[in-house]
Structure formats: structure tokens, C-alpha cells
Amino acid sequence: MDVRYASGSLDRAGKALLAERLTEVLIQMEGGANTEGGRAFAWVCFSEFAMDDLWIAGRCNVTSGAGPAFLVHVSVPEGYMNRVHKNEVHAGVASSVAEATHTAVSELRLLTIIDEVTEGNWGSRGLPISLESIALAVGQPEDGPRLEWSRAYFAAKACAAAMAGFPVDMGGLPPSMSREMEKP
């Protein structure tokens, strides 16, 4: 998660608390994989910006009378989360920021964006990481409901791409399904 916040919105103790709460959200997002591998994928990066660097509707909107301001980008592998999972992440981020800032959720100026990283576009140490390898690294069972849903998602994507005539080497499919495009 990339957490951007207006100066003064978060003190050191609040940052530590928010990092821990967002780690919990990330672990839940990974299907409850509170394992060494699951925690290794739980990165939280903070960036503070000056009070006058947030403009909304063409006006500087960070004033002393407004609640704390946050922009949170959550990066997830494509095809790993359904609508319910995404809704849980939005709610978890909001409640985490509210707790860390001692502010009611309704008083926050919070925008949460879930970025789905297309299969093949996530990498570490110069090598691509597939959704399947991430899921297994965090402790998801190969035959569990989370990967079952992901496989159904990618099977539909492969079928639609094949019917539309996309090139067989287009990418965007897990390695175990890369041959799906070549099927008649």
C-alpha cells in the first residue's frame, strides 16, 4: 500500500499503528495468510505531502478545519479479489486510518484506489511473479476457494481473448494457463 497523507495528519505513533492495521488489512486481503510469506508481501509505504499540495475541484482543500487527508493506493494481483474482497479492503483501510488518526470515518478525506496489477507485471529481483506463486507463497491452498475463483476468472479471460483473436503470447494469464489461448 502506498499511503500519502497531508502533513500533520499523522504523528509517529499514528504511523506505527496505521502500518500495523494496514498490514492486517493486507493479510486479510491475502485470504488470512498470516504466515511469514504472507507478511513478506505486506508492504506499507508512507509519503507525507505539504498541506497546500492537495487540491480538489481546483481549490486547495487542506485547511485547519477539515479532517485528515489521505490517498491510499492498494496494489493487488489481477484476478485475486472479487467484489466482496475489494469492499472489505475499502472498509479496512478507512477504519485503519480513522483509528490511527482518532477521527471518525465520516470526517476523513480519504480516497482509496485498488490497482490490479496485470498478470506478468508483478516482479521481484528481476523476475516475474505470477498470481499463483504469490498465492502459494502466502499460504493459500492450491485447491482452496481463493485460487479456484482466480482460475475461473483467468479461464474466462483466456476464452474471451481467444474468441477475440488476441495473439497467443499476449501475456496476462498465469503460467499454468498460458496455453489456454492455443486451444481451439
C-alpha atoms as a PDB file:
ATOM      1  CA  MET A   1       0.000   0.000   0.000  1.00  0.00           C
ATOM      2  CA  ASP A   2       1.181   3.461  -0.863  1.00  0.00           C
ATOM      3  CA  VAL A   3      -0.196   5.843   1.784  1.00  0.00           C
ATOM      4  CA  ARG A   4       0.013   9.560   1.042  1.00  0.00           C
ATOM      5  CA  TYR A   5      -1.115  11.980   3.687  1.00  0.00           C
ATOM      6  CA  ALA A   6      -1.170  15.696   4.403  1.00  0.00           C
ATOM      7  CA  SER A   7       1.420  16.997   6.826  1.00  0.00           C
ATOM      8  CA  GLY A   8       0.036  16.991  10.338  1.00  0.00           C
ATOM      9  CA  SER A   9      -2.484  14.224   9.604  1.00  0.00           C
ATOM     10  CA  LEU A  10      -0.355  11.529  11.229  1.00  0.00           C
ATOM     11  CA  ASP A  11       2.125  11.547  14.106  1.00  0.00           C
ATOM     12  CA  ARG A  12       4.824   8.896  14.693  1.00  0.00           C
ATOM     13  CA  ALA A  13       2.607   6.742  16.942  1.00  0.00           C
ATOM     14  CA  GLY A  14      -0.261   7.045  14.461  1.00  0.00           C
ATOM     15  CA  LYS A  15       2.033   5.988  11.609  1.00  0.00           C
ATOM     16  CA  ALA A  16       3.157   2.887  13.557  1.00  0.00           C
ATOM     17  CA  LEU A  17      -0.446   1.996  14.391  1.00  0.00           C
ATOM     18  CA  LEU A  18      -1.592   2.595  10.810  1.00  0.00           C
ATOM     19  CA  ALA A  19       1.247   0.443   9.449  1.00  0.00           C
ATOM     20  CA  GLU A  20       0.197  -2.414  11.741  1.00  0.00           C
ATOM     21  CA  ARG A  21      -3.512  -2.062  10.913  1.00  0.00           C
ATOM     22  CA  LEU A  22      -2.870  -1.860   7.172  1.00  0.00           C
ATOM     23  CA  THR A  23      -0.648  -4.938   7.442  1.00  0.00           C
ATOM     24  CA  GLU A  24      -3.647  -6.695   8.997  1.00  0.00           C
ATOM     25  CA  VAL A  25      -5.807  -5.490   6.077  1.00  0.00           C
ATOM     26  CA  LEU A  26      -3.219  -6.800   3.615  1.00  0.00           C
ATOM     27  CA  ILE A  27      -3.086 -10.169   5.370  1.00  0.00           C
ATOM     28  CA  GLN A  28      -6.890 -10.370   5.321  1.00  0.00           C
ATOM     29  CA  MET A  29      -6.794  -9.313   1.655  1.00  0.00           C
ATOM     30  CA  GLU A  30      -4.487 -12.272   1.001  1.00  0.00           C
ATOM     31  CA  GLY A  31      -7.128 -14.586   2.422  1.00  0.00           C
ATOM     32  CA  GLY A  32      -5.985 -14.528   6.038  1.00  0.00           C
ATOM     33  CA  ALA A  33      -2.474 -15.746   5.261  1.00  0.00           C
ATOM     34  CA  ASN A  34      -0.795 -14.584   8.477  1.00  0.00           C
ATOM     35  CA  THR A  35       2.341 -16.505   7.579  1.00  0.00           C
ATOM     36  CA  GLU A  36       5.938 -15.427   7.102  1.00  0.00           C
ATOM     37  CA  GLY A  37       5.312 -15.438   3.336  1.00  0.00           C
ATOM     38  CA  GLY A  38       2.064 -13.513   3.720  1.00  0.00           C
ATOM     39  CA  ARG A  39       3.646 -10.855   5.917  1.00  0.00           C
ATOM     40  CA  ALA A  40       6.550 -10.524   3.439  1.00  0.00           C
ATOM     41  CA  PHE A  41       4.071  -9.217   0.835  1.00  0.00           C
ATOM     42  CA  ALA A  42       2.613  -6.693   3.309  1.00  0.00           C
ATOM     43  CA  TRP A  43       4.455  -3.519   2.323  1.00  0.00           C
ATOM     44  CA  VAL A  44       3.211  -0.133   3.544  1.00  0.00           C
ATOM     45  CA  CYS A  45       4.985   2.953   2.189  1.00  0.00           C
ATOM     46  CA  PHE A  46       4.227   6.395   3.655  1.00  0.00           C
ATOM     47  CA  SER A  47       4.650   9.695   1.808  1.00  0.00           C
ATOM     48  CA  GLU A  48       3.840  12.962   3.526  1.00  0.00           C
ATOM     49  CA  PHE A  49       2.903  15.962   1.407  1.00  0.00           C
ATOM     50  CA  ALA A  50       2.706  19.653   2.279  1.00  0.00           C
ATOM     51  CA  MET A  51      -0.637  20.978   3.462  1.00  0.00           C
ATOM     52  CA  ASP A  52      -1.007  23.123   0.349  1.00  0.00           C
ATOM     53  CA  ASP A  53      -0.207  20.277  -2.085  1.00  0.00           C
ATOM     54  CA  LEU A  54      -3.723  18.782  -2.032  1.00  0.00           C
ATOM     55  CA  TRP A  55      -6.127  20.462  -4.407  1.00  0.00           C
ATOM     56  CA  ILE A  56      -9.665  19.248  -5.014  1.00  0.00           C
ATOM     57  CA  ALA A  57     -12.021  20.846  -7.542  1.00  0.00           C
ATOM     58  CA  GLY A  58      -9.348  23.415  -8.361  1.00  0.00           C
ATOM     59  CA  ARG A  59      -9.009  24.650  -4.776  1.00  0.00           C
ATOM     60  CA  CYS A  60      -6.553  23.947  -2.006  1.00  0.00           C
ATOM     61  CA  ASN A  61      -8.660  21.818   0.311  1.00  0.00           C
ATOM     62  CA  VAL A  62      -6.368  21.150   3.231  1.00  0.00           C
ATOM     63  CA  THR A  63      -7.401  23.629   5.883  1.00  0.00           C
ATOM     64  CA  SER A  64      -7.214  23.576   9.663  1.00  0.00           C
ATOM     65  CA  GLY A  65     -10.961  22.983   9.977  1.00  0.00           C
ATOM     66  CA  ALA A  66     -11.020  19.853   7.823  1.00  0.00           C
ATOM     67  CA  GLY A  67     -10.281  16.272   8.849  1.00  0.00           C
ATOM     68  CA  PRO A  68      -7.063  14.470   7.960  1.00  0.00           C
ATOM     69  CA  ALA A  69      -6.431  13.862   4.255  1.00  0.00           C
ATOM     70  CA  PHE A  70      -5.207  10.540   2.833  1.00  0.00           C
ATOM     71  CA  LEU A  71      -4.751   8.947  -0.593  1.00  0.00           C
ATOM     72  CA  VAL A  72      -4.162   5.186  -0.356  1.00  0.00           C
ATOM     73  CA  HIS A  73      -3.175   3.071  -3.363  1.00  0.00           C
ATOM     74  CA  VAL A  74      -3.532  -0.656  -2.777  1.00  0.00           C
ATOM     75  CA  SER A  75      -1.797  -2.881  -5.326  1.00  0.00           C
ATOM     76  CA  VAL A  76      -3.164  -6.399  -5.793  1.00  0.00           C
ATOM     77  CA  PRO A  77      -2.625  -9.104  -8.395  1.00  0.00           C
ATOM     78  CA  GLU A  78      -5.286  -9.102 -11.102  1.00  0.00           C
ATOM     79  CA  GLY A  79      -7.905 -11.779 -10.587  1.00  0.00           C
ATOM     80  CA  TYR A  80      -7.215 -12.317  -6.889  1.00  0.00           C
ATOM     81  CA  MET A  81     -10.110 -10.408  -5.361  1.00  0.00           C
ATOM     82  CA  ASN A  82     -13.808 -10.436  -6.068  1.00  0.00           C
ATOM     83  CA  ARG A  83     -16.152  -7.539  -5.277  1.00  0.00           C
ATOM     84  CA  VAL A  84     -16.663  -8.632  -1.655  1.00  0.00           C
ATOM     85  CA  HIS A  85     -12.891  -8.788  -1.080  1.00  0.00           C
ATOM     86  CA  LYS A  86     -12.449  -5.307  -2.570  1.00  0.00           C
ATOM     87  CA  ASN A  87     -15.246  -3.900  -0.402  1.00  0.00           C
ATOM     88  CA  GLU A  88     -13.523  -5.394   2.649  1.00  0.00           C
ATOM     89  CA  VAL A  89     -10.276  -3.649   1.682  1.00  0.00           C
ATOM     90  CA  HIS A  90     -12.027  -0.261   1.281  1.00  0.00           C
ATOM     91  CA  ALA A  91     -13.678  -0.653   4.692  1.00  0.00           C
ATOM     92  CA  GLY A  92     -10.479  -1.924   6.326  1.00  0.00           C
ATOM     93  CA  VAL A  93      -8.398   0.969   5.018  1.00  0.00           C
ATOM     94  CA  ALA A  94     -10.998   3.500   6.194  1.00  0.00           C
ATOM     95  CA  SER A  95     -11.300   2.040   9.684  1.00  0.00           C
ATOM     96  CA  SER A  96      -7.486   1.763   9.965  1.00  0.00           C
ATOM     97  CA  VAL A  97      -6.948   5.418   9.023  1.00  0.00           C
ATOM     98  CA  ALA A  98      -9.756   6.501  11.357  1.00  0.00           C
ATOM     99  CA  GLU A  99      -8.228   4.571  14.269  1.00  0.00           C
ATOM    100  CA  ALA A 100      -4.693   5.857  13.633  1.00  0.00           C
ATOM    101  CA  THR A 101      -5.854   9.477  13.428  1.00  0.00           C
ATOM    102  CA  HIS A 102      -8.516   9.293  16.170  1.00  0.00           C
ATOM    103  CA  THR A 103     -11.049  10.563  13.633  1.00  0.00           C
ATOM    104  CA  ALA A 104     -14.476   9.289  12.678  1.00  0.00           C
ATOM    105  CA  VAL A 105     -14.535   7.693   9.221  1.00  0.00           C
ATOM    106  CA  SER A 106     -17.162  10.263   8.189  1.00  0.00           C
ATOM    107  CA  GLU A 107     -14.718  13.089   8.986  1.00  0.00           C
ATOM    108  CA  LEU A 108     -11.823  11.717   6.910  1.00  0.00           C
ATOM    109  CA  ARG A 109     -10.888  12.972   3.477  1.00  0.00           C
ATOM    110  CA  LEU A 110      -9.838   9.567   2.199  1.00  0.00           C
ATOM    111  CA  LEU A 111      -9.571   8.223  -1.310  1.00  0.00           C
ATOM    112  CA  THR A 112      -8.670   4.540  -1.629  1.00  0.00           C
ATOM    113  CA  ILE A 113      -7.731   3.166  -5.036  1.00  0.00           C
ATOM    114  CA  ILE A 114      -7.279  -0.549  -5.661  1.00  0.00           C
ATOM    115  CA  ASP A 115      -4.851  -1.069  -8.531  1.00  0.00           C
ATOM    116  CA  GLU A 116      -4.989  -4.536 -10.070  1.00  0.00           C
ATOM    117  CA  VAL A 117      -1.572  -5.455 -11.435  1.00  0.00           C
ATOM    118  CA  THR A 118      -1.971  -7.430 -14.645  1.00  0.00           C
ATOM    119  CA  GLU A 119      -0.600 -10.973 -14.507  1.00  0.00           C
ATOM    120  CA  GLY A 120       3.028 -10.881 -15.600  1.00  0.00           C
ATOM    121  CA  ASN A 121       3.559  -7.254 -14.498  1.00  0.00           C
ATOM    122  CA  TRP A 122       4.486  -8.060 -10.886  1.00  0.00           C
ATOM    123  CA  GLY A 123       8.111  -8.946 -10.287  1.00  0.00           C
ATOM    124  CA  SER A 124      10.863  -9.274  -7.728  1.00  0.00           C
ATOM    125  CA  ARG A 125      14.616  -9.317  -8.190  1.00  0.00           C
ATOM    126  CA  GLY A 126      14.285  -9.070 -11.954  1.00  0.00           C
ATOM    127  CA  LEU A 127      11.871 -11.982 -12.379  1.00  0.00           C
ATOM    128  CA  PRO A 128       8.094 -12.003 -12.916  1.00  0.00           C
ATOM    129  CA  ILE A 129       5.911 -13.302 -10.109  1.00  0.00           C
ATOM    130  CA  SER A 130       2.626 -14.960 -11.030  1.00  0.00           C
ATOM    131  CA  LEU A 131      -0.565 -14.734  -9.010  1.00  0.00           C
ATOM    132  CA  GLU A 132      -0.306 -18.461  -8.439  1.00  0.00           C
ATOM    133  CA  SER A 133       3.191 -18.167  -6.960  1.00  0.00           C
ATOM    134  CA  ILE A 134       2.101 -15.251  -4.744  1.00  0.00           C
ATOM    135  CA  ALA A 135      -0.931 -17.183  -3.505  1.00  0.00           C
ATOM    136  CA  LEU A 136       1.175 -20.232  -2.690  1.00  0.00           C
ATOM    137  CA  ALA A 137       3.908 -18.095  -1.042  1.00  0.00           C
ATOM    138  CA  VAL A 138       1.379 -16.506   1.311  1.00  0.00           C
ATOM    139  CA  GLY A 139      -0.079 -19.895   2.233  1.00  0.00           C
ATOM    140  CA  GLN A 140      -3.189 -20.271   0.100  1.00  0.00           C
ATOM    141  CA  PRO A 141      -4.012 -23.924  -0.653  1.00  0.00           C
ATOM    142  CA  GLU A 142      -3.793 -24.842  -4.351  1.00  0.00           C
ATOM    143  CA  ASP A 143      -7.310 -26.279  -4.228  1.00  0.00           C
ATOM    144  CA  GLY A 144      -8.781 -23.572  -1.979  1.00  0.00           C
ATOM    145  CA  PRO A 145     -11.681 -21.272  -2.875  1.00  0.00           C
ATOM    146  CA  ARG A 146      -9.455 -18.214  -3.411  1.00  0.00           C
ATOM    147  CA  LEU A 147      -7.362 -19.808  -6.167  1.00  0.00           C
ATOM    148  CA  GLU A 148     -10.408 -21.621  -7.532  1.00  0.00           C
ATOM    149  CA  TRP A 149     -12.097 -18.233  -8.058  1.00  0.00           C
ATOM    150  CA  SER A 150      -8.910 -16.839  -9.637  1.00  0.00           C
ATOM    151  CA  ARG A 151      -8.648 -19.781 -12.012  1.00  0.00           C
ATOM    152  CA  ALA A 152     -12.271 -19.274 -13.101  1.00  0.00           C
ATOM    153  CA  TYR A 153     -11.525 -15.574 -13.679  1.00  0.00           C
ATOM    154  CA  PHE A 154      -8.468 -16.315 -15.821  1.00  0.00           C
ATOM    155  CA  ALA A 155     -10.198 -19.143 -17.715  1.00  0.00           C
ATOM    156  CA  ALA A 156     -12.921 -16.675 -18.727  1.00  0.00           C
ATOM    157  CA  LYS A 157     -10.270 -14.108 -19.685  1.00  0.00           C
ATOM    158  CA  ALA A 158      -8.405 -16.691 -21.797  1.00  0.00           C
ATOM    159  CA  CYS A 159     -11.608 -17.763 -23.513  1.00  0.00           C
ATOM    160  CA  ALA A 160     -12.673 -14.178 -24.284  1.00  0.00           C
ATOM    161  CA  ALA A 161      -9.203 -13.284 -25.555  1.00  0.00           C
ATOM    162  CA  ALA A 162      -9.056 -16.385 -27.770  1.00  0.00           C
ATOM    163  CA  MET A 163     -12.517 -15.688 -29.208  1.00  0.00           C
ATOM    164  CA  ALA A 164     -11.483 -12.084 -29.921  1.00  0.00           C
ATOM    165  CA  GLY A 165      -8.385 -13.283 -31.740  1.00  0.00           C
ATOM    166  CA  PHE A 166      -5.776 -11.897 -29.364  1.00  0.00           C
ATOM    167  CA  PRO A 167      -2.241 -13.180 -30.015  1.00  0.00           C
ATOM    168  CA  VAL A 168      -1.405 -16.343 -28.096  1.00  0.00           C
ATOM    169  CA  ASP A 169       1.606 -14.648 -26.487  1.00  0.00           C
ATOM    170  CA  MET A 170      -0.357 -11.640 -25.215  1.00  0.00           C
ATOM    171  CA  GLY A 171       0.524 -12.318 -21.577  1.00  0.00           C
ATOM    172  CA  GLY A 172      -1.816 -11.528 -18.725  1.00  0.00           C
ATOM    173  CA  LEU A 173      -2.504 -15.176 -17.863  1.00  0.00           C
ATOM    174  CA  PRO A 174      -0.919 -17.300 -15.120  1.00  0.00           C
ATOM    175  CA  PRO A 175       1.825 -19.643 -16.339  1.00  0.00           C
ATOM    176  CA  SER A 176      -0.416 -22.676 -15.757  1.00  0.00           C
ATOM    177  CA  MET A 177      -2.956 -21.197 -18.181  1.00  0.00           C
ATOM    178  CA  SER A 178      -0.651 -19.702 -20.805  1.00  0.00           C
ATOM    179  CA  ARG A 179      -1.536 -22.487 -23.238  1.00  0.00           C
ATOM    180  CA  GLU A 180      -5.277 -21.798 -22.886  1.00  0.00           C
ATOM    181  CA  MET A 181      -5.047 -19.303 -25.739  1.00  0.00           C
ATOM    182  CA  GLU A 182      -3.848 -22.020 -28.101  1.00  0.00           C
ATOM    183  CA  LYS A 183      -6.846 -24.285 -27.529  1.00  0.00           C
ATOM    184  CA  PRO A 184      -9.474 -24.345 -30.282  1.00  0.00           C
END
